[in-house]
Amino acid sequence: MSQGTALIKFSKNEIELLINSLHMSISTVVPCVENGEWKKPYETIQKDLIDIKFQLIEKEREVKVDVKKEETGVNNPAECYDCED
């Protein structure tokens, strides 16, 4: 069986809902199932979603920093008052 990947678009809020849902599922105690092996795929997906969430947060932070630089004229030669002509 071959494995593939799929591009699925979720908002940050939807990712947080998925993470919370997975957490609730994983934390469920199933008395008739031993050693919790059934949780492993869900834990993997949860970890991946947490990584994606942090990547989104970092990207948002970078965009805010870039916008702030543009607003203050950082790296904008047109607004460089100390530059020589």
Protein backbone atom coordinates (compact mmCIF):
# COMPACT_ATOMS: atom_id res chain seq x y z
CA MET A 1 0.00 0.00 0.00
CA SER A 2 1.47 3.34 -0.98
CA GLN A 3 1.18 6.42 1.17
CA GLY A 4 0.45 9.87 -0.09
CA THR A 5 -0.19 13.30 1.28
CA ALA A 6 -3.12 15.65 0.95
CA LEU A 7 -3.22 19.43 1.13
CA ILE A 8 -6.03 20.41 3.48
CA LYS A 9 -6.72 24.02 4.38
CA PHE A 10 -7.74 24.83 7.94
CA SER A 11 -7.82 28.12 9.79
CA LYS A 12 -5.84 28.48 13.01
CA ASN A 13 -9.09 28.24 14.97
CA GLU A 14 -10.04 25.02 13.19
CA ILE A 15 -6.60 23.57 13.96
CA GLU A 16 -7.07 24.44 17.64
CA LEU A 17 -10.46 22.68 17.62
CA LEU A 18 -8.91 19.59 16.04
CA ILE A 19 -6.11 19.58 18.64
CA ASN A 20 -8.64 19.87 21.47
CA SER A 21 -10.81 17.10 20.01
CA LEU A 22 -7.84 14.81 19.65
CA HIS A 23 -6.78 15.57 23.22
CA MET A 24 -10.23 14.62 24.49
CA SER A 25 -10.20 11.40 22.45
CA ILE A 26 -6.70 10.45 23.55
CA SER A 27 -7.41 11.14 27.21
CA THR A 28 -10.45 8.86 27.16
CA VAL A 29 -9.96 5.79 29.31
CA VAL A 30 -10.96 2.64 27.50
CA PRO A 31 -11.09 -0.14 30.11
CA CYS A 32 -11.21 -3.07 27.69
CA VAL A 33 -8.17 -1.96 25.65
CA GLU A 34 -4.71 -2.70 26.99
CA ASN A 35 -1.49 -0.68 26.58
CA GLY A 36 -3.05 2.25 24.69
CA GLU A 37 -1.66 1.28 21.27
CA TRP A 38 -4.84 2.59 19.64
CA LYS A 39 -3.81 6.12 20.72
CA LYS A 40 -0.55 6.26 18.76
CA PRO A 41 -1.97 7.42 15.38
CA TYR A 42 -4.07 10.07 17.13
CA GLU A 43 -1.08 11.26 19.16
CA THR A 44 0.94 11.55 15.95
CA ILE A 45 -1.77 13.62 14.28
CA GLN A 46 -2.10 15.80 17.39
CA LYS A 47 1.67 16.42 17.46
CA ASP A 48 1.65 17.32 13.75
CA LEU A 49 -1.23 19.75 14.26
CA ILE A 50 0.52 21.38 17.22
CA ASP A 51 3.64 21.84 15.05
CA ILE A 52 1.51 23.36 12.28
CA LYS A 53 -0.17 25.70 14.76
CA PHE A 54 3.18 26.96 16.01
CA GLN A 55 4.36 27.44 12.42
CA LEU A 56 1.27 29.57 11.76
CA ILE A 57 1.87 31.61 14.91
CA GLU A 58 5.51 32.17 13.91
CA LYS A 59 4.50 33.22 10.38
CA GLU A 60 1.93 35.68 11.81
CA ARG A 61 4.64 37.09 14.07
CA GLU A 62 7.02 37.51 11.13
CA VAL A 63 4.33 39.30 9.11
CA LYS A 64 3.64 41.67 12.01
CA VAL A 65 7.36 42.44 12.31
CA ASP A 66 7.60 43.09 8.55
CA VAL A 67 4.57 45.40 8.64
CA LYS A 68 6.05 47.26 11.63
CA LYS A 69 9.33 47.71 9.72
CA GLU A 70 7.43 49.11 6.72
CA GLU A 71 5.46 51.49 8.93
CA THR A 72 8.58 52.84 10.62
CA GLY A 73 10.57 53.13 7.40
CA VAL A 74 13.13 50.45 8.31
CA ASN A 75 14.74 49.13 5.13
CA ASN A 76 12.93 51.78 3.12
CA PRO A 77 15.54 53.84 1.19
CA ALA A 78 12.99 56.53 0.36
CA GLU A 79 12.70 57.33 4.05
CA CYS A 80 16.42 57.12 4.84
CA TYR A 81 17.23 60.62 6.07
CA ASP A 82 20.87 59.87 6.87
CA CYS A 83 21.64 58.56 3.41
CA GLU A 84 23.84 60.56 1.08
CA ASP A 85 22.64 61.37 -2.44
